[in-house]
Protein backbone atom coordinates (compact mmCIF):
# COMPACT_ATOMS: atom_id res chain seq x y z
CA UNK A 1 78.28 -28.30 99.17
CA UNK A 2 77.10 -31.44 99.53
CA UNK A 3 78.73 -34.19 97.12
CA UNK A 4 75.96 -36.91 96.78
CA UNK A 5 73.20 -36.54 94.69
CA UNK A 6 69.44 -37.11 94.86
CA UNK A 7 69.71 -40.39 93.24
CA UNK A 8 72.28 -41.82 96.40
CA UNK A 9 70.09 -44.17 98.44
CA UNK A 10 70.61 -41.42 101.66
CA UNK A 11 71.49 -38.35 100.13
CA UNK A 12 73.53 -37.36 103.65
CA UNK A 13 72.96 -36.30 107.26
CA UNK A 14 72.64 -33.32 109.45
CA UNK A 15 71.07 -31.81 111.85
CA UNK A 16 68.65 -28.97 112.92
CA UNK A 17 70.59 -25.84 114.58
CA UNK A 18 68.54 -23.84 117.53
CA UNK A 19 67.86 -20.79 117.15
CA UNK A 20 68.84 -18.21 119.86
CA UNK A 21 68.41 -15.23 118.46
CA UNK A 22 65.52 -13.86 116.22
CA UNK A 23 67.85 -12.21 114.24
CA UNK A 24 69.95 -14.52 113.52
CA UNK A 25 73.32 -12.80 114.56
CA UNK A 26 74.93 -15.77 115.79
CA UNK A 27 74.87 -17.94 112.81
CA UNK A 28 78.21 -18.09 112.05
CA UNK A 29 79.18 -20.17 115.50
CA UNK A 30 76.63 -22.77 114.67
CA UNK A 31 77.61 -23.10 111.24
CA UNK A 32 81.51 -23.30 112.18
CA UNK A 33 80.27 -26.07 114.87
CA UNK A 34 78.40 -27.83 111.55
CA UNK A 35 81.92 -27.82 109.39
CA UNK A 36 83.76 -29.45 111.98
CA UNK A 37 81.07 -31.98 112.49
CA UNK A 38 81.36 -33.00 109.24
CA UNK A 39 77.59 -33.38 108.24
CA UNK A 40 76.58 -33.19 104.69
CA UNK A 41 73.53 -30.80 105.63
CA UNK A 42 72.06 -27.88 107.91
CA UNK A 43 68.61 -28.04 108.85
CA UNK A 44 67.82 -23.85 109.31
CA UNK A 45 65.20 -22.82 112.00
CA UNK A 46 63.05 -20.42 109.68
CA UNK A 47 60.09 -21.05 111.56
CA UNK A 48 62.19 -18.85 114.54
CA UNK A 49 63.61 -15.80 112.68
CA UNK A 50 61.99 -12.83 112.09
CA UNK A 51 62.22 -12.89 108.28
CA UNK A 52 58.51 -13.11 107.30
CA UNK A 53 55.61 -10.51 108.15
CA UNK A 54 51.91 -11.01 107.64
CA UNK A 55 52.67 -13.17 104.45
CA UNK A 56 55.82 -10.51 103.49
CA UNK A 57 59.29 -11.54 103.15
CA UNK A 58 61.37 -8.71 104.72
CA UNK A 59 64.18 -8.73 101.72
CA UNK A 60 66.99 -7.01 103.53
CA UNK A 61 66.76 -9.71 106.46
CA UNK A 62 66.98 -12.63 103.96
CA UNK A 63 69.85 -10.78 102.16
CA UNK A 64 71.49 -10.92 105.28
CA UNK A 65 70.77 -14.48 105.99
CA UNK A 66 72.12 -15.56 102.24
CA UNK A 67 74.91 -14.16 102.91
CA UNK A 68 75.50 -15.59 106.20
CA UNK A 69 74.89 -19.04 104.89
CA UNK A 70 77.02 -19.12 101.64
CA UNK A 71 79.89 -20.71 100.63
CA UNK A 72 79.57 -23.15 103.25
CA UNK A 73 80.54 -27.06 102.68
CA UNK A 74 77.01 -28.50 103.39
CA UNK A 75 73.42 -27.90 101.84
CA UNK A 76 70.61 -26.91 104.09
CA UNK A 77 67.21 -28.09 104.34
CA UNK A 78 64.68 -25.54 106.03
CA UNK A 79 62.14 -26.27 108.79
CA UNK A 80 58.99 -23.73 107.96
CA UNK A 81 56.68 -22.03 110.52
CA UNK A 82 54.97 -24.70 112.65
CA UNK A 83 52.18 -22.36 112.70
CA UNK A 84 51.32 -23.05 109.04
CA UNK A 85 47.87 -25.52 108.71
CA UNK A 86 46.89 -26.17 105.16
CA UNK A 87 43.89 -27.76 107.23
CA UNK A 88 42.96 -24.18 108.47
CA UNK A 89 39.27 -22.99 108.09
CA UNK A 90 38.50 -21.51 104.45
CA UNK A 91 38.29 -18.27 106.07
CA UNK A 92 41.77 -18.63 107.36
CA UNK A 93 43.74 -20.49 104.73
CA UNK A 94 44.54 -17.74 102.79
CA UNK A 95 46.55 -16.44 105.58
CA UNK A 96 48.67 -19.75 106.08
CA UNK A 97 49.19 -20.06 102.34
CA UNK A 98 50.66 -17.03 102.10
CA UNK A 99 52.95 -17.79 104.72
CA UNK A 100 54.18 -20.68 103.11
CA UNK A 101 54.59 -19.19 99.82
CA UNK A 102 56.74 -16.70 101.62
CA UNK A 103 58.78 -20.06 103.00
CA UNK A 104 59.20 -21.31 99.88
CA UNK A 105 60.72 -17.98 98.05
CA UNK A 106 63.09 -18.15 101.23
CA UNK A 107 64.18 -21.87 100.81
CA UNK A 108 64.91 -20.88 97.12
CA UNK A 109 66.75 -17.97 97.93
CA UNK A 110 68.72 -20.16 100.40
CA UNK A 111 69.42 -22.77 97.80
CA UNK A 112 67.77 -25.35 100.21
CA UNK A 113 66.65 -28.84 99.09
CA UNK A 114 63.66 -29.05 101.20
CA UNK A 115 61.31 -27.08 103.02
CA UNK A 116 59.64 -29.01 105.98
CA UNK A 117 56.21 -28.24 107.27
CA UNK A 118 53.91 -29.91 110.01
CA UNK A 119 50.90 -31.65 108.58
CA UNK A 120 47.61 -29.68 108.72
CA UNK A 121 45.69 -30.27 111.94
CA UNK A 122 41.41 -29.40 112.89
CA UNK A 123 40.73 -27.92 116.24
CA UNK A 124 37.39 -26.56 115.48
CA UNK A 125 34.38 -27.93 114.07
CA UNK A 126 35.05 -28.39 110.52
CA UNK A 127 34.41 -31.31 108.96
CA UNK A 128 37.54 -33.23 108.66
CA UNK A 129 37.80 -34.81 105.56
CA UNK A 130 37.18 -31.31 103.88
CA UNK A 131 39.52 -29.94 105.97
CA UNK A 132 41.88 -33.03 104.12
CA UNK A 133 40.60 -31.61 100.88
CA UNK A 134 41.80 -28.24 101.24
CA UNK A 135 44.73 -29.55 102.61
CA UNK A 136 45.54 -31.63 98.94
CA UNK A 137 44.56 -28.61 97.11
CA UNK A 138 46.37 -26.20 98.74
CA UNK A 139 49.75 -28.61 98.79
CA UNK A 140 49.39 -28.48 95.08
CA UNK A 141 48.92 -24.60 94.46
CA UNK A 142 52.40 -24.91 96.71
CA UNK A 143 53.89 -27.76 95.16
CA UNK A 144 54.22 -25.93 91.88
CA UNK A 145 55.78 -22.85 93.20
CA UNK A 146 58.22 -24.99 95.05
CA UNK A 147 59.03 -26.83 91.39
CA UNK A 148 59.64 -23.60 90.37
CA UNK A 149 62.20 -22.55 93.18
CA UNK A 150 63.60 -26.17 93.00
CA UNK A 151 62.24 -26.89 96.08
CA UNK A 152 60.41 -30.13 97.64
CA UNK A 153 57.98 -29.58 99.89
CA UNK A 154 57.93 -32.23 102.93
CA UNK A 155 54.99 -32.63 104.36
CA UNK A 156 55.94 -33.91 108.24
CA UNK A 157 54.04 -36.26 110.27
CA UNK A 158 53.07 -34.61 113.65
CA UNK A 159 50.72 -35.91 117.05
CA UNK A 160 47.39 -34.92 118.38
CA UNK A 161 48.67 -32.36 120.96
CA UNK A 162 46.42 -29.10 122.56
CA UNK A 163 42.46 -29.33 121.80
CA UNK A 164 43.34 -31.16 118.18
CA UNK A 165 40.21 -33.29 116.76
CA UNK A 166 42.19 -34.63 113.95
CA UNK A 167 45.99 -34.74 112.50
CA UNK A 168 47.03 -37.41 110.18
CA UNK A 169 48.35 -40.69 111.05
CA UNK A 170 51.42 -41.10 109.35
CA UNK A 171 49.60 -44.00 107.03
CA UNK A 172 46.80 -41.49 106.06
CA UNK A 173 49.56 -38.83 105.45
CA UNK A 174 50.88 -41.30 103.01
CA UNK A 175 47.85 -41.66 101.51
CA UNK A 176 46.96 -37.96 100.66
CA UNK A 177 50.47 -37.90 99.14
CA UNK A 178 49.56 -40.37 96.80
CA UNK A 179 46.22 -39.12 96.18
CA UNK A 180 48.21 -36.00 95.45
CA UNK A 181 50.66 -37.45 93.27
CA UNK A 182 53.06 -34.14 92.75
CA UNK A 183 56.63 -34.79 92.40
CA UNK A 184 57.93 -31.57 94.43
CA UNK A 185 55.16 -32.69 97.89
CA UNK A 186 56.53 -35.04 99.81
CA UNK A 187 57.20 -36.60 103.72
CA UNK A 188 59.39 -35.77 106.40
CA UNK A 189 58.82 -39.07 108.42
CA UNK A 190 59.49 -38.01 111.95
CA UNK A 191 59.71 -41.35 113.60
CA UNK A 192 59.51 -40.08 117.23
CA UNK A 193 56.21 -38.16 116.44
CA UNK A 194 54.95 -41.36 114.72
CA UNK A 195 55.41 -43.42 117.71
CA UNK A 196 53.48 -40.43 120.04
CA UNK A 197 50.48 -40.44 117.53
CA UNK A 198 51.06 -44.09 117.28
CA UNK A 199 50.46 -44.82 120.87
CA UNK A 200 47.98 -42.25 121.55
CA UNK A 201 45.41 -43.89 118.30
CA UNK A 202 46.60 -47.20 119.60
CA UNK A 203 47.67 -48.44 115.93
CA UNK A 204 51.10 -50.16 115.13
CA UNK A 205 53.85 -47.88 115.18
CA UNK A 206 56.24 -49.88 112.71
CA UNK A 207 53.52 -50.37 110.78
CA UNK A 208 52.68 -46.76 110.59
CA UNK A 209 56.41 -45.69 109.88
CA UNK A 210 56.52 -48.18 107.39
CA UNK A 211 53.99 -46.67 105.30
CA UNK A 212 54.92 -42.91 105.21
CA UNK A 213 58.86 -43.88 104.68
CA UNK A 214 58.60 -44.35 100.44
CA UNK A 215 57.08 -40.58 100.44
CA UNK A 216 60.11 -39.51 102.47
CA UNK A 217 62.69 -37.56 100.91
CA UNK A 218 63.48 -36.05 104.55
CA UNK A 219 63.48 -37.87 108.20
CA UNK A 220 63.97 -36.59 111.48
CA UNK A 221 65.27 -38.39 114.21
CA UNK A 222 65.34 -38.03 117.85
CA UNK A 223 64.47 -40.45 120.85
CA UNK A 224 61.53 -40.45 123.37
CA UNK A 225 59.19 -43.43 125.13
CA UNK A 226 56.06 -42.55 122.71
CA UNK A 227 53.98 -41.02 125.55
CA UNK A 228 51.87 -38.59 125.16
CA UNK A 229 52.54 -35.92 127.75
CA UNK A 230 50.00 -36.36 130.80
CA UNK A 231 51.22 -35.06 133.84
CA UNK A 232 52.01 -31.53 134.89
CA UNK A 233 55.42 -30.41 134.81
CA UNK A 234 56.99 -27.11 134.93
CA UNK A 235 61.10 -28.10 132.94
CA UNK A 236 61.64 -30.37 130.52
CA UNK A 237 63.86 -31.66 132.84
CA UNK A 238 60.84 -33.02 134.54
CA UNK A 239 59.40 -34.05 131.07
CA UNK A 240 62.31 -36.15 130.52
CA UNK A 241 62.56 -37.86 134.11
CA UNK A 242 58.66 -39.22 133.47
CA UNK A 243 59.65 -40.01 129.98
CA UNK A 244 56.62 -38.14 128.91
CA UNK A 245 55.78 -36.10 125.69
CA UNK A 246 57.99 -34.71 122.65
CA UNK A 247 61.48 -34.74 124.11
CA UNK A 248 63.90 -34.49 121.38
CA UNK A 249 65.85 -36.83 123.28
CA UNK A 250 69.59 -37.76 121.93
CA UNK A 251 69.65 -41.12 119.79
CA UNK A 252 69.69 -44.44 122.44
CA UNK A 253 68.15 -42.01 125.08
CA UNK A 254 64.37 -43.29 124.62
CA UNK A 255 62.77 -46.78 123.86
CA UNK A 256 62.63 -46.49 119.97
CA UNK A 257 63.98 -49.74 118.30
CA UNK A 258 66.06 -48.33 115.93
CA UNK A 259 67.55 -51.28 114.41
CA UNK A 260 63.99 -52.01 113.48
CA UNK A 261 63.10 -48.66 112.19
CA UNK A 262 66.02 -49.45 110.17
CA UNK A 263 64.66 -53.05 108.86
CA UNK A 264 60.63 -51.87 108.13
CA UNK A 265 61.39 -48.46 106.60
CA UNK A 266 62.07 -48.45 102.70
CA UNK A 267 62.94 -44.56 102.09
CA UNK A 268 62.94 -42.99 98.65
CA UNK A 269 66.23 -42.22 97.30
CA UNK A 270 67.67 -39.20 98.15
CA UNK A 271 66.61 -39.15 101.45
CA UNK A 272 68.40 -36.91 104.03
CA UNK A 273 68.76 -38.24 107.38
CA UNK A 274 68.25 -35.13 110.26
CA UNK A 275 68.92 -35.03 114.22
CA UNK A 276 66.58 -32.96 115.55
CA UNK A 277 68.27 -32.53 119.44
CA UNK A 278 66.54 -30.81 121.84
CA UNK A 279 69.34 -27.40 123.09
CA UNK A 280 69.44 -29.01 126.69
CA UNK A 281 71.09 -31.96 125.24
CA UNK A 282 73.52 -29.77 123.20
CA UNK A 283 76.37 -31.35 124.94
CA UNK A 284 75.82 -34.90 123.27
CA UNK A 285 75.62 -33.78 119.49
CA UNK A 286 79.26 -34.64 118.91
CA UNK A 287 78.42 -38.16 120.30
CA UNK A 288 75.39 -37.90 118.06
CA UNK A 289 76.79 -37.88 114.83
CA UNK A 290 78.75 -41.48 114.52
CA UNK A 291 75.56 -42.53 115.66
CA UNK A 292 73.61 -40.85 113.36
CA UNK A 293 75.68 -41.86 110.59
CA UNK A 294 75.39 -45.05 111.54
CA UNK A 295 71.73 -45.07 111.61
CA UNK A 296 71.34 -43.67 108.06
CA UNK A 297 73.95 -46.53 106.72
CA UNK A 298 71.31 -49.05 107.90
CA UNK A 299 68.76 -46.97 106.07
CA UNK A 300 70.46 -46.53 102.63
CA UNK A 301 70.98 -50.65 103.00
CA UNK A 302 67.14 -51.27 102.62
CA UNK A 303 66.22 -47.80 99.93
CA UNK A 304 65.21 -49.17 96.60
CA UNK A 305 67.58 -48.44 93.85
CA UNK A 306 64.97 -46.71 91.56
CA UNK A 307 63.35 -43.88 93.06
C-alpha cells in the first residue's frame, strides 16, 4: 500500500487502467504494469466490469476481484458507473441510488480510498433547481454510507453532451459541496472536463477550476483543446486530428497550461493525482509517469498545510 497519508499535500499519483474484459480476467497483467511504473495508486474501472445487476452486487465476482487486487504495493481508487445520475427524476432516482450504494460496497471491499462518480445532469423537462436539491439530499445519504465503508465519495465535474440541459460548472459543484458540508463527500476535479465546460459556457476556465480545487481529494488529468465535439467523425483519431471533444490525450499534447493550473489551484491535503489516458495512447504511458509526478509536485507546492 502507499506510504503517504491523507495529511500529505499530495498523497500520490496513479492512473486509470482500461477495461478490456468485462470479467477482469486480464487484471494481473495490468497491475503488474502498474508495479513496474512505480505509482502509488491505480484507478479501477468498476463501471466497465460485470459486478452489479439491478443494484445487486454479484458477490462471487466481487470476491474474485478482491483476491486479484490484494497484496499489491499501491492503493486503489474506484471509478463508479458513469450512468449514476443523482439529478435524475424522482421516479428514477431510487435505481441510481441503489447502483451507487452497490458501488460504495464494492469500493469498501477493495479497500479503495475514493469512489468517483459523475456530477448529475438534467436531460428532460425537470426543474433544474429541484434536481440540485435531489442531488444534495442523495449525496448526503450516500456520504453516510461511504463514511461507514471508510470511502470518500468524490463527485467529478463533467461537461454537457448529448441532449443535456444542465450539469454543474465546477464553481457550482463547489457551491453544492459547500452547502452539503459532508466530510465523506468531496470532489474529483477533472481539469480537461472543466476546460470543455467553461469553453461551452463562455466563462473563465482557470477561475472555475480554482473554485473547485479546495474541495478536491482526487484530480483527473489528461489533455485536450477545450473544444466541444462539433464535427462528425467515425474514429477517435479523427477527433484528435480536429482537436475536438473529450480526447484524453497525453499530457502536453493539448493546449491546457498545466503550469498555470498548478499556480491557480490549491488542493485539499491528501489529494490523489490520477492520469486518465485513452487506451489508443497507451504506448505513451511510461513517458507520462515522470511528467505526472512532476505535475503532482507542482500541485503539492501550493497545497495548504492544514485540512
